[in-house]
Amino acid sequence: MLKSEIRILGIDDAAFESKSNRKPSKRTTPVIGVVYRGGKFLDGVLRTDVTIDGMDATAKLVGLINNSRHKRQLRVVMLDGITLAGFNIVDIVKLHRATELPVLVVNRKMPNLTSVREALKNFKDYETRWQTIKRAGKVKKCKLKGDKDLYYQSIGLEDEEAEEVLLLSSTHGLLPEPLRVAHLIATAIVRGESYGRA
């Protein structure tokens, strides 16, 4: 049994204008982390910026977490999907090792890995990106209250623990509160107010 107020760092990126070509970009977008006690209380907000379609997301998150005054209290890092800022893929194995924290990747729907793989072929470093996604492991399903499903990948947690974290933190809807709030803050930073379904 996990404590009901386990400290979770939920991370999501802000909206950005997508480019049709997949050429390297120096443009960045904000990434917001919120420290939540289970699904109940917001304890803190963190921010970094990552390159759109770049490869710096993992390093940026490691720096954000390891330099935070909240680090000692954190028990889980939760990501809204494995990519930030387009196709800036988070290497959850490296993130776990560098922060010594379990990592939980959450998706509303089962990811279509065939489509993702095809999209990645537009990048010169396609193989590196694809291997990073494969290293994240199998996508699993968690049954929430109300017979709703969430999909997840995790490292540093047993399946039972990962599902307990998801159930504990999904208090106001399908998406866990740390991710829902991170999304609202991230969109407000870019658009002036929160926007879209969190």
N, C-alpha and C. Protein backbone atom coordinates (compact mmCIF):
# COMPACT_ATOMS: atom_id res chain seq x y z
N MET A 1 0.85 -1.21 0.00
CA MET A 1 0.00 0.00 0.00
C MET A 1 0.88 1.25 0.00
N LEU A 2 0.61 2.13 -0.94
CA LEU A 2 1.32 3.41 -1.00
C LEU A 2 0.61 4.43 -0.13
N LYS A 3 1.36 5.41 0.36
CA LYS A 3 0.73 6.49 1.12
C LYS A 3 -0.18 7.29 0.20
N SER A 4 -1.32 7.72 0.72
CA SER A 4 -2.28 8.45 -0.11
C SER A 4 -1.74 9.79 -0.58
N GLU A 5 -0.73 10.32 0.14
CA GLU A 5 -0.16 11.61 -0.24
C GLU A 5 1.25 11.47 -0.80
N ILE A 6 1.50 10.34 -1.49
CA ILE A 6 2.78 10.12 -2.14
C ILE A 6 3.07 11.30 -3.08
N ARG A 7 4.31 11.82 -3.04
CA ARG A 7 4.66 12.97 -3.88
C ARG A 7 4.95 12.52 -5.30
N ILE A 8 4.16 13.02 -6.23
CA ILE A 8 4.27 12.69 -7.66
C ILE A 8 4.62 13.96 -8.42
N LEU A 9 5.60 13.87 -9.31
CA LEU A 9 5.91 14.99 -10.20
C LEU A 9 5.28 14.68 -11.55
N GLY A 10 4.22 15.42 -11.89
CA GLY A 10 3.54 15.26 -13.18
C GLY A 10 4.11 16.25 -14.18
N ILE A 11 4.43 15.78 -15.40
CA ILE A 11 5.09 16.61 -16.39
C ILE A 11 4.32 16.61 -17.71
N ASP A 12 4.11 17.82 -18.25
CA ASP A 12 3.47 17.96 -19.56
C ASP A 12 4.05 19.17 -20.27
N ASP A 13 3.95 19.16 -21.60
CA ASP A 13 4.49 20.28 -22.37
C ASP A 13 3.38 21.23 -22.78
N ALA A 14 3.79 22.43 -23.19
CA ALA A 14 2.84 23.44 -23.65
C ALA A 14 2.56 23.25 -25.13
N ALA A 15 1.47 23.84 -25.58
CA ALA A 15 1.14 23.80 -27.00
C ALA A 15 2.17 24.61 -27.79
N PHE A 16 2.36 24.23 -29.03
CA PHE A 16 3.27 24.98 -29.90
C PHE A 16 2.79 24.83 -31.34
N GLU A 17 3.21 25.75 -32.17
CA GLU A 17 2.84 25.70 -33.58
C GLU A 17 3.74 24.69 -34.28
N SER A 18 3.13 23.69 -34.88
CA SER A 18 3.90 22.63 -35.52
C SER A 18 4.33 23.05 -36.92
N LYS A 19 5.50 22.58 -37.30
CA LYS A 19 5.98 22.79 -38.67
C LYS A 19 5.77 21.50 -39.44
N SER A 20 5.43 21.62 -40.72
CA SER A 20 5.17 20.42 -41.51
C SER A 20 6.46 19.66 -41.82
N ASN A 21 7.57 20.39 -42.01
CA ASN A 21 8.83 19.68 -42.27
C ASN A 21 9.48 19.32 -40.94
N ARG A 22 10.24 18.28 -40.94
CA ARG A 22 10.87 17.80 -39.71
C ARG A 22 12.35 18.14 -39.68
N LYS A 23 12.68 19.35 -40.10
CA LYS A 23 14.07 19.79 -40.06
C LYS A 23 14.41 20.19 -38.64
N PRO A 24 15.71 20.10 -38.28
CA PRO A 24 16.11 20.50 -36.93
C PRO A 24 15.66 21.93 -36.62
N SER A 25 15.24 22.14 -35.40
CA SER A 25 14.71 23.45 -35.00
C SER A 25 15.39 23.90 -33.73
N LYS A 26 15.54 25.21 -33.60
CA LYS A 26 16.06 25.75 -32.35
C LYS A 26 14.93 26.31 -31.50
N ARG A 27 13.71 26.21 -32.03
CA ARG A 27 12.56 26.69 -31.27
C ARG A 27 12.33 25.79 -30.06
N THR A 28 11.87 26.39 -28.98
CA THR A 28 11.60 25.63 -27.76
C THR A 28 10.16 25.85 -27.32
N THR A 29 9.72 25.00 -26.42
CA THR A 29 8.41 25.17 -25.81
C THR A 29 8.52 24.86 -24.32
N PRO A 30 7.73 25.52 -23.49
CA PRO A 30 7.80 25.25 -22.05
C PRO A 30 7.32 23.84 -21.69
N VAL A 31 7.96 23.29 -20.68
CA VAL A 31 7.53 22.02 -20.09
C VAL A 31 7.33 22.29 -18.60
N ILE A 32 6.16 21.91 -18.11
CA ILE A 32 5.78 22.18 -16.72
C ILE A 32 5.75 20.90 -15.91
N GLY A 33 6.30 20.98 -14.71
CA GLY A 33 6.20 19.89 -13.75
C GLY A 33 5.44 20.37 -12.53
N VAL A 34 4.49 19.59 -12.07
CA VAL A 34 3.78 19.94 -10.84
C VAL A 34 4.00 18.83 -9.81
N VAL A 35 4.31 19.26 -8.60
CA VAL A 35 4.49 18.33 -7.49
C VAL A 35 3.13 18.21 -6.80
N TYR A 36 2.62 16.98 -6.79
CA TYR A 36 1.30 16.72 -6.23
C TYR A 36 1.40 15.69 -5.12
N ARG A 37 0.58 15.87 -4.09
CA ARG A 37 0.46 14.85 -3.04
C ARG A 37 -0.68 13.92 -3.45
N GLY A 38 -0.32 12.77 -4.00
CA GLY A 38 -1.34 11.84 -4.51
C GLY A 38 -2.16 12.54 -5.57
N GLY A 39 -3.48 12.60 -5.36
CA GLY A 39 -4.34 13.34 -6.27
C GLY A 39 -5.04 14.46 -5.55
N LYS A 40 -4.43 14.94 -4.44
CA LYS A 40 -5.14 15.85 -3.56
C LYS A 40 -4.64 17.29 -3.57
N PHE A 41 -3.33 17.49 -3.34
CA PHE A 41 -2.82 18.84 -3.12
C PHE A 41 -1.64 19.16 -4.02
N LEU A 42 -1.63 20.38 -4.53
CA LEU A 42 -0.51 20.88 -5.31
C LEU A 42 0.52 21.47 -4.36
N ASP A 43 1.77 21.00 -4.45
CA ASP A 43 2.83 21.46 -3.57
C ASP A 43 3.84 22.38 -4.24
N GLY A 44 3.96 22.29 -5.56
CA GLY A 44 4.96 23.12 -6.23
C GLY A 44 4.86 23.01 -7.73
N VAL A 45 5.47 23.97 -8.42
CA VAL A 45 5.49 24.00 -9.88
C VAL A 45 6.92 24.22 -10.35
N LEU A 46 7.34 23.43 -11.33
CA LEU A 46 8.67 23.53 -11.93
C LEU A 46 8.52 23.84 -13.42
N ARG A 47 9.57 24.44 -14.00
CA ARG A 47 9.52 24.73 -15.43
C ARG A 47 10.90 24.59 -16.07
N THR A 48 10.89 24.05 -17.28
CA THR A 48 12.06 24.08 -18.15
C THR A 48 11.56 24.31 -19.56
N ASP A 49 12.46 24.37 -20.52
CA ASP A 49 12.11 24.51 -21.93
C ASP A 49 12.85 23.45 -22.71
N VAL A 50 12.16 22.80 -23.66
CA VAL A 50 12.82 21.79 -24.49
C VAL A 50 12.66 22.17 -25.95
N THR A 51 13.59 21.68 -26.76
CA THR A 51 13.60 21.99 -28.18
C THR A 51 12.52 21.20 -28.91
N ILE A 52 11.76 21.89 -29.75
CA ILE A 52 10.71 21.24 -30.53
C ILE A 52 11.36 20.26 -31.51
N ASP A 53 10.93 19.00 -31.44
CA ASP A 53 11.46 17.90 -32.26
C ASP A 53 12.95 17.65 -32.03
N GLY A 54 13.47 18.12 -30.91
CA GLY A 54 14.89 17.93 -30.61
C GLY A 54 15.14 16.62 -29.90
N MET A 55 16.28 16.56 -29.21
CA MET A 55 16.65 15.36 -28.46
C MET A 55 17.18 15.72 -27.07
N ASP A 56 16.71 16.83 -26.53
CA ASP A 56 17.22 17.29 -25.23
C ASP A 56 16.26 17.09 -24.07
N ALA A 57 15.11 16.45 -24.31
CA ALA A 57 14.09 16.33 -23.26
C ALA A 57 14.60 15.58 -22.04
N THR A 58 15.30 14.48 -22.25
CA THR A 58 15.78 13.67 -21.12
C THR A 58 16.73 14.47 -20.25
N ALA A 59 17.73 15.10 -20.87
CA ALA A 59 18.71 15.89 -20.12
C ALA A 59 18.05 17.05 -19.40
N LYS A 60 17.10 17.71 -20.05
CA LYS A 60 16.42 18.84 -19.41
C LYS A 60 15.62 18.39 -18.19
N LEU A 61 14.95 17.24 -18.30
CA LEU A 61 14.16 16.74 -17.16
C LEU A 61 15.07 16.29 -16.02
N VAL A 62 16.18 15.67 -16.35
CA VAL A 62 17.14 15.26 -15.31
C VAL A 62 17.60 16.49 -14.53
N GLY A 63 17.98 17.55 -15.24
CA GLY A 63 18.41 18.78 -14.58
C GLY A 63 17.31 19.41 -13.75
N LEU A 64 16.11 19.45 -14.31
CA LEU A 64 14.97 20.04 -13.60
C LEU A 64 14.71 19.32 -12.28
N ILE A 65 14.72 17.99 -12.33
CA ILE A 65 14.41 17.19 -11.14
C ILE A 65 15.55 17.23 -10.12
N ASN A 66 16.75 16.97 -10.59
CA ASN A 66 17.88 16.86 -9.65
C ASN A 66 18.26 18.19 -9.01
N ASN A 67 17.90 19.30 -9.62
CA ASN A 67 18.20 20.62 -9.05
C ASN A 67 17.03 21.22 -8.27
N SER A 68 15.94 20.48 -8.17
CA SER A 68 14.76 21.00 -7.48
C SER A 68 14.85 20.77 -5.97
N ARG A 69 14.36 21.75 -5.22
CA ARG A 69 14.31 21.58 -3.77
C ARG A 69 13.27 20.52 -3.37
N HIS A 70 12.40 20.13 -4.31
CA HIS A 70 11.38 19.11 -4.03
C HIS A 70 11.92 17.69 -4.20
N LYS A 71 13.11 17.56 -4.76
CA LYS A 71 13.64 16.24 -5.15
C LYS A 71 13.57 15.22 -4.02
N ARG A 72 13.95 15.59 -2.82
CA ARG A 72 14.01 14.62 -1.70
C ARG A 72 12.65 14.02 -1.37
N GLN A 73 11.57 14.77 -1.65
CA GLN A 73 10.23 14.27 -1.32
C GLN A 73 9.59 13.47 -2.44
N LEU A 74 10.12 13.60 -3.65
CA LEU A 74 9.50 12.93 -4.80
C LEU A 74 9.63 11.42 -4.72
N ARG A 75 8.58 10.73 -5.14
CA ARG A 75 8.59 9.27 -5.16
C ARG A 75 8.34 8.71 -6.55
N VAL A 76 7.71 9.49 -7.44
CA VAL A 76 7.40 9.04 -8.80
C VAL A 76 7.43 10.23 -9.74
N VAL A 77 7.98 10.01 -10.96
CA VAL A 77 7.89 10.98 -12.04
C VAL A 77 6.86 10.45 -13.02
N MET A 78 5.87 11.27 -13.38
CA MET A 78 4.78 10.86 -14.25
C MET A 78 4.78 11.74 -15.50
N LEU A 79 4.81 11.11 -16.67
CA LEU A 79 4.84 11.84 -17.93
C LEU A 79 3.54 11.62 -18.70
N ASP A 80 3.08 12.69 -19.35
CA ASP A 80 1.91 12.58 -20.23
C ASP A 80 2.43 12.20 -21.62
N GLY A 81 2.64 10.91 -21.82
CA GLY A 81 3.22 10.41 -23.07
C GLY A 81 4.74 10.42 -22.99
N ILE A 82 5.36 9.70 -23.92
CA ILE A 82 6.82 9.54 -23.89
C ILE A 82 7.54 10.63 -24.68
N THR A 83 6.78 11.46 -25.40
CA THR A 83 7.40 12.55 -26.17
C THR A 83 6.96 13.90 -25.63
N LEU A 84 7.85 14.87 -25.73
CA LEU A 84 7.55 16.26 -25.40
C LEU A 84 7.89 17.09 -26.63
N ALA A 85 7.24 18.22 -26.79
CA ALA A 85 7.59 19.16 -27.86
C ALA A 85 7.69 18.45 -29.20
N GLY A 86 6.62 17.80 -29.59
CA GLY A 86 6.63 17.06 -30.85
C GLY A 86 7.22 15.68 -30.65
N PHE A 87 8.39 15.44 -31.27
CA PHE A 87 9.02 14.13 -31.16
C PHE A 87 10.33 14.18 -30.37
N ASN A 88 10.37 15.00 -29.33
CA ASN A 88 11.51 15.04 -28.42
C ASN A 88 11.27 13.93 -27.39
N ILE A 89 11.86 12.79 -27.63
CA ILE A 89 11.54 11.57 -26.88
C ILE A 89 12.30 11.52 -25.55
N VAL A 90 11.56 11.18 -24.49
CA VAL A 90 12.18 11.02 -23.17
C VAL A 90 12.67 9.59 -23.04
N ASP A 91 13.95 9.43 -22.75
CA ASP A 91 14.52 8.12 -22.49
C ASP A 91 14.25 7.80 -21.01
N ILE A 92 13.20 7.03 -20.76
CA ILE A 92 12.79 6.82 -19.37
C ILE A 92 13.79 5.96 -18.59
N VAL A 93 14.57 5.15 -19.31
CA VAL A 93 15.60 4.37 -18.62
C VAL A 93 16.68 5.30 -18.09
N LYS A 94 17.15 6.23 -18.92
CA LYS A 94 18.15 7.21 -18.48
C LYS A 94 17.60 8.13 -17.41
N LEU A 95 16.33 8.55 -17.56
CA LEU A 95 15.71 9.43 -16.58
C LEU A 95 15.65 8.75 -15.21
N HIS A 96 15.27 7.50 -15.21
CA HIS A 96 15.19 6.72 -13.98
C HIS A 96 16.57 6.58 -13.32
N ARG A 97 17.57 6.23 -14.11
CA ARG A 97 18.92 6.04 -13.57
C ARG A 97 19.50 7.35 -13.03
N ALA A 98 19.30 8.43 -13.78
CA ALA A 98 19.92 9.70 -13.41
C ALA A 98 19.24 10.37 -12.22
N THR A 99 17.95 10.12 -12.01
CA THR A 99 17.24 10.75 -10.90
C THR A 99 17.01 9.79 -9.73
N GLU A 100 17.19 8.49 -9.99
CA GLU A 100 16.91 7.44 -9.00
C GLU A 100 15.46 7.46 -8.56
N LEU A 101 14.58 7.84 -9.49
CA LEU A 101 13.14 7.85 -9.23
C LEU A 101 12.43 6.97 -10.25
N PRO A 102 11.37 6.27 -9.82
CA PRO A 102 10.56 5.52 -10.78
C PRO A 102 9.90 6.48 -11.78
N VAL A 103 9.70 6.00 -13.01
CA VAL A 103 9.09 6.82 -14.06
C VAL A 103 7.86 6.08 -14.58
N LEU A 104 6.77 6.82 -14.72
CA LEU A 104 5.50 6.27 -15.18
C LEU A 104 5.01 7.11 -16.36
N VAL A 105 4.89 6.50 -17.54
CA VAL A 105 4.41 7.17 -18.75
C VAL A 105 2.93 6.83 -18.90
N VAL A 106 2.09 7.85 -19.05
CA VAL A 106 0.64 7.65 -19.09
C VAL A 106 0.08 8.08 -20.45
N ASN A 107 -0.84 7.27 -20.99
CA ASN A 107 -1.54 7.59 -22.23
C ASN A 107 -3.03 7.32 -22.06
N ARG A 108 -3.86 8.19 -22.63
CA ARG A 108 -5.31 7.96 -22.61
C ARG A 108 -5.70 6.77 -23.47
N LYS A 109 -5.01 6.63 -24.62
CA LYS A 109 -5.31 5.57 -25.57
C LYS A 109 -4.06 4.72 -25.79
N MET A 110 -4.27 3.52 -26.29
CA MET A 110 -3.14 2.67 -26.64
C MET A 110 -2.35 3.35 -27.76
N PRO A 111 -1.06 3.64 -27.53
CA PRO A 111 -0.27 4.32 -28.56
C PRO A 111 -0.18 3.46 -29.83
N ASN A 112 -0.29 4.14 -30.98
CA ASN A 112 -0.15 3.45 -32.26
C ASN A 112 1.33 3.50 -32.65
N LEU A 113 2.07 2.50 -32.23
CA LEU A 113 3.52 2.50 -32.43
C LEU A 113 3.91 2.39 -33.90
N THR A 114 3.04 1.80 -34.72
CA THR A 114 3.32 1.73 -36.16
C THR A 114 3.33 3.13 -36.75
N SER A 115 2.34 3.95 -36.38
CA SER A 115 2.28 5.33 -36.87
C SER A 115 3.45 6.15 -36.35
N VAL A 116 3.80 5.94 -35.08
CA VAL A 116 4.93 6.66 -34.49
C VAL A 116 6.21 6.32 -35.24
N ARG A 117 6.40 5.04 -35.51
CA ARG A 117 7.61 4.61 -36.21
C ARG A 117 7.70 5.24 -37.59
N GLU A 118 6.58 5.29 -38.30
CA GLU A 118 6.57 5.90 -39.63
C GLU A 118 6.91 7.39 -39.55
N ALA A 119 6.36 8.08 -38.56
CA ALA A 119 6.64 9.52 -38.41
C ALA A 119 8.11 9.76 -38.10
N LEU A 120 8.70 8.87 -37.31
CA LEU A 120 10.10 9.03 -36.93
C LEU A 120 11.05 8.86 -38.11
N LYS A 121 10.59 8.21 -39.17
CA LYS A 121 11.44 8.01 -40.35
C LYS A 121 11.76 9.32 -41.06
N ASN A 122 11.08 10.41 -40.67
CA ASN A 122 11.38 11.73 -41.22
C ASN A 122 12.63 12.35 -40.60
N PHE A 123 13.16 11.72 -39.56
CA PHE A 123 14.34 12.24 -38.87
C PHE A 123 15.59 11.48 -39.28
N LYS A 124 16.70 12.19 -39.39
CA LYS A 124 17.97 11.55 -39.75
C LYS A 124 18.40 10.54 -38.69
N ASP A 125 18.08 10.85 -37.42
CA ASP A 125 18.45 9.95 -36.32
C ASP A 125 17.28 9.03 -35.95
N TYR A 126 16.54 8.63 -36.96
CA TYR A 126 15.35 7.79 -36.77
C TYR A 126 15.62 6.58 -35.87
N GLU A 127 16.70 5.86 -36.16
CA GLU A 127 16.97 4.62 -35.44
C GLU A 127 17.20 4.88 -33.95
N THR A 128 17.91 5.96 -33.61
CA THR A 128 18.15 6.31 -32.21
C THR A 128 16.84 6.62 -31.51
N ARG A 129 16.00 7.39 -32.16
CA ARG A 129 14.70 7.74 -31.56
C ARG A 129 13.83 6.50 -31.37
N TRP A 130 13.80 5.66 -32.37
CA TRP A 130 12.96 4.46 -32.30
C TRP A 130 13.45 3.52 -31.19
N GLN A 131 14.75 3.35 -31.05
CA GLN A 131 15.30 2.51 -30.00
C GLN A 131 14.97 3.07 -28.61
N THR A 132 14.93 4.39 -28.49
CA THR A 132 14.57 5.03 -27.22
C THR A 132 13.13 4.68 -26.85
N ILE A 133 12.25 4.70 -27.84
CA ILE A 133 10.84 4.33 -27.59
C ILE A 133 10.74 2.85 -27.22
N LYS A 134 11.45 2.01 -27.92
CA LYS A 134 11.40 0.57 -27.63
C LYS A 134 11.91 0.25 -26.23
N ARG A 135 12.94 0.99 -25.78
CA ARG A 135 13.51 0.76 -24.44
C ARG A 135 12.49 1.02 -23.32
N ALA A 136 11.47 1.80 -23.62
CA ALA A 136 10.47 2.13 -22.60
C ALA A 136 9.64 0.92 -22.19
N GLY A 137 9.67 -0.12 -23.01
CA GLY A 137 8.99 -1.35 -22.63
C GLY A 137 7.54 -1.44 -23.08
N LYS A 138 6.93 -2.51 -22.67
CA LYS A 138 5.56 -2.84 -23.08
C LYS A 138 4.55 -1.84 -22.53
N VAL A 139 3.55 -1.51 -23.36
CA VAL A 139 2.44 -0.67 -22.91
C VAL A 139 1.40 -1.57 -22.24
N LYS A 140 1.01 -1.20 -21.02
CA LYS A 140 0.06 -2.00 -20.25
C LYS A 140 -1.22 -1.21 -19.99
N LYS A 141 -2.27 -1.93 -19.64
CA LYS A 141 -3.57 -1.30 -19.40
C LYS A 141 -3.92 -1.33 -17.92
N CYS A 142 -4.44 -0.20 -17.43
CA CYS A 142 -4.91 -0.11 -16.04
C CYS A 142 -6.39 0.23 -16.06
N LYS A 143 -7.17 -0.53 -15.31
CA LYS A 143 -8.61 -0.29 -15.20
C LYS A 143 -8.86 0.67 -14.05
N LEU A 144 -9.46 1.84 -14.36
CA LEU A 144 -9.77 2.83 -13.34
C LEU A 144 -11.21 2.69 -12.87
N LYS A 145 -11.58 3.55 -11.91
CA LYS A 145 -12.96 3.57 -11.44
C LYS A 145 -13.88 3.92 -12.61
N GLY A 146 -15.09 3.37 -12.59
CA GLY A 146 -16.02 3.65 -13.67
C GLY A 146 -15.69 2.88 -14.94
N ASP A 147 -14.89 1.83 -14.79
CA ASP A 147 -14.54 0.96 -15.90
C ASP A 147 -13.81 1.68 -17.04
N LYS A 148 -13.06 2.72 -16.70
CA LYS A 148 -12.26 3.46 -17.69
C LYS A 148 -10.86 2.86 -17.75
N ASP A 149 -10.25 2.96 -18.92
CA ASP A 149 -8.90 2.40 -19.10
C ASP A 149 -7.88 3.52 -19.30
N LEU A 150 -6.70 3.33 -18.70
CA LEU A 150 -5.52 4.15 -18.98
C LEU A 150 -4.41 3.19 -19.40
N TYR A 151 -3.50 3.68 -20.20
CA TYR A 151 -2.38 2.87 -20.67
C TYR A 151 -1.09 3.45 -20.13
N TYR A 152 -0.16 2.58 -19.78
CA TYR A 152 1.06 3.07 -19.14
C TYR A 152 2.27 2.21 -19.46
N GLN A 153 3.43 2.83 -19.30
CA GLN A 153 4.72 2.14 -19.29
C GLN A 153 5.41 2.60 -18.02
N SER A 154 6.22 1.75 -17.44
CA SER A 154 6.88 2.18 -16.21
C SER A 154 8.24 1.52 -16.06
N ILE A 155 9.07 2.19 -15.29
CA ILE A 155 10.36 1.64 -14.91
C ILE A 155 10.60 2.02 -13.45
N GLY A 156 11.04 1.05 -12.66
CA GLY A 156 11.27 1.29 -11.24
C GLY A 156 10.06 1.02 -10.37
N LEU A 157 8.98 0.54 -11.00
CA LEU A 157 7.76 0.20 -10.27
C LEU A 157 7.26 -1.16 -10.73
N GLU A 158 6.77 -1.96 -9.80
CA GLU A 158 6.05 -3.17 -10.19
C GLU A 158 4.72 -2.76 -10.78
N ASP A 159 4.11 -3.63 -11.59
CA ASP A 159 2.82 -3.28 -12.21
C ASP A 159 1.78 -2.89 -11.17
N GLU A 160 1.74 -3.63 -10.06
CA GLU A 160 0.75 -3.34 -9.02
C GLU A 160 0.97 -1.95 -8.43
N GLU A 161 2.23 -1.58 -8.24
CA GLU A 161 2.55 -0.25 -7.70
C GLU A 161 2.18 0.85 -8.70
N ALA A 162 2.51 0.63 -9.97
CA ALA A 162 2.19 1.62 -11.00
C ALA A 162 0.68 1.85 -11.06
N GLU A 163 -0.07 0.78 -11.01
CA GLU A 163 -1.52 0.90 -11.09
C GLU A 163 -2.10 1.54 -9.83
N GLU A 164 -1.48 1.28 -8.70
CA GLU A 164 -1.92 1.94 -7.46
C GLU A 164 -1.68 3.45 -7.53
N VAL A 165 -0.54 3.86 -8.09
CA VAL A 165 -0.26 5.29 -8.27
C VAL A 165 -1.31 5.92 -9.18
N LEU A 166 -1.65 5.25 -10.26
CA LEU A 166 -2.65 5.78 -11.20
C LEU A 166 -4.01 5.90 -10.54
N LEU A 167 -4.41 4.90 -9.80
CA LEU A 167 -5.71 4.93 -9.11
C LEU A 167 -5.75 6.01 -8.03
N LEU A 168 -4.66 6.13 -7.28
CA LEU A 168 -4.57 7.13 -6.21
C LEU A 168 -4.67 8.55 -6.73
N SER A 169 -4.05 8.78 -7.89
CA SER A 169 -3.93 10.16 -8.39
C SER A 169 -5.02 10.57 -9.37
N SER A 170 -5.84 9.63 -9.82
CA SER A 170 -6.92 9.95 -10.76
C SER A 170 -8.20 10.26 -9.97
N THR A 171 -8.23 11.44 -9.38
CA THR A 171 -9.32 11.78 -8.45
C THR A 171 -10.43 12.60 -9.08
N HIS A 172 -10.16 13.32 -10.18
CA HIS A 172 -11.18 14.20 -10.77
C HIS A 172 -11.43 13.92 -12.23
N GLY A 173 -11.09 12.74 -12.68
CA GLY A 173 -11.29 12.40 -14.08
C GLY A 173 -10.39 11.26 -14.49
N LEU A 174 -10.32 11.03 -15.79
CA LEU A 174 -9.52 9.93 -16.30
C LEU A 174 -8.03 10.16 -16.12
N LEU A 175 -7.59 11.39 -16.37
CA LEU A 175 -6.16 11.69 -16.29
C LEU A 175 -5.76 11.95 -14.85
N PRO A 176 -4.63 11.41 -14.39
CA PRO A 176 -4.17 11.69 -13.03
C PRO A 176 -4.00 13.19 -12.80
N GLU A 177 -4.32 13.64 -11.60
CA GLU A 177 -4.28 15.07 -11.27
C GLU A 177 -2.94 15.75 -11.57
N PRO A 178 -1.80 15.11 -11.27
CA PRO A 178 -0.53 15.79 -11.57
C PRO A 178 -0.40 16.13 -13.05
N LEU A 179 -0.88 15.27 -13.93
CA LEU A 179 -0.81 15.54 -15.37
C LEU A 179 -1.88 16.54 -15.81
N ARG A 180 -3.06 16.42 -15.23
CA ARG A 180 -4.15 17.34 -15.59
C ARG A 180 -3.76 18.78 -15.26
N VAL A 181 -3.19 18.98 -14.08
CA VAL A 181 -2.82 20.33 -13.64
C VAL A 181 -1.60 20.84 -14.41
N ALA A 182 -0.63 19.96 -14.67
CA ALA A 182 0.53 20.36 -15.46
C ALA A 182 0.10 20.84 -16.84
N HIS A 183 -0.87 20.15 -17.43
CA HIS A 183 -1.40 20.54 -18.74
C HIS A 183 -2.06 21.91 -18.69
N LEU A 184 -2.88 22.14 -17.68
CA LEU A 184 -3.59 23.42 -17.55
C LEU A 184 -2.60 24.58 -17.41
N ILE A 185 -1.58 24.39 -16.59
CA ILE A 185 -0.59 25.45 -16.39
C ILE A 185 0.22 25.67 -17.66
N ALA A 186 0.63 24.59 -18.31
CA ALA A 186 1.46 24.70 -19.52
C ALA A 186 0.72 25.45 -20.63
N THR A 187 -0.55 25.13 -20.83
CA THR A 187 -1.30 25.82 -21.90
C THR A 187 -1.55 27.28 -21.54
N ALA A 188 -1.75 27.57 -20.27
CA ALA A 188 -1.98 28.96 -19.86
C ALA A 188 -0.74 29.81 -20.08
N ILE A 189 0.44 29.25 -19.88
CA ILE A 189 1.69 30.00 -20.07
C ILE A 189 1.81 30.46 -21.52
N VAL A 190 1.44 29.60 -22.45
CA VAL A 190 1.60 29.91 -23.87
C VAL A 190 0.42 30.71 -24.42
N ARG A 191 -0.80 30.36 -24.03
CA ARG A 191 -1.99 30.96 -24.64
C ARG A 191 -2.68 32.03 -23.80
N GLY A 192 -2.20 32.20 -22.58
CA GLY A 192 -2.82 33.21 -21.72
C GLY A 192 -3.90 32.67 -20.82
N GLU A 193 -4.44 31.50 -21.16
CA GLU A 193 -5.40 30.81 -20.31
C GLU A 193 -5.34 29.32 -20.64
N SER A 194 -5.80 28.50 -19.69
CA SER A 194 -5.76 27.07 -19.94
C SER A 194 -6.70 26.74 -21.08
N TYR A 195 -6.32 25.72 -21.84
CA TYR A 195 -7.04 25.43 -23.07
C TYR A 195 -7.00 23.93 -23.35
N GLY A 196 -8.09 23.42 -23.90
CA GLY A 196 -8.13 22.02 -24.32
C GLY A 196 -8.42 21.09 -23.17
N ARG A 197 -8.71 19.85 -23.55
CA ARG A 197 -9.02 18.83 -22.56
C ARG A 197 -7.75 18.33 -21.92
N ALA A 198 -7.68 18.46 -20.61
CA ALA A 198 -6.48 18.00 -19.91
C ALA A 198 -6.53 16.50 -19.74
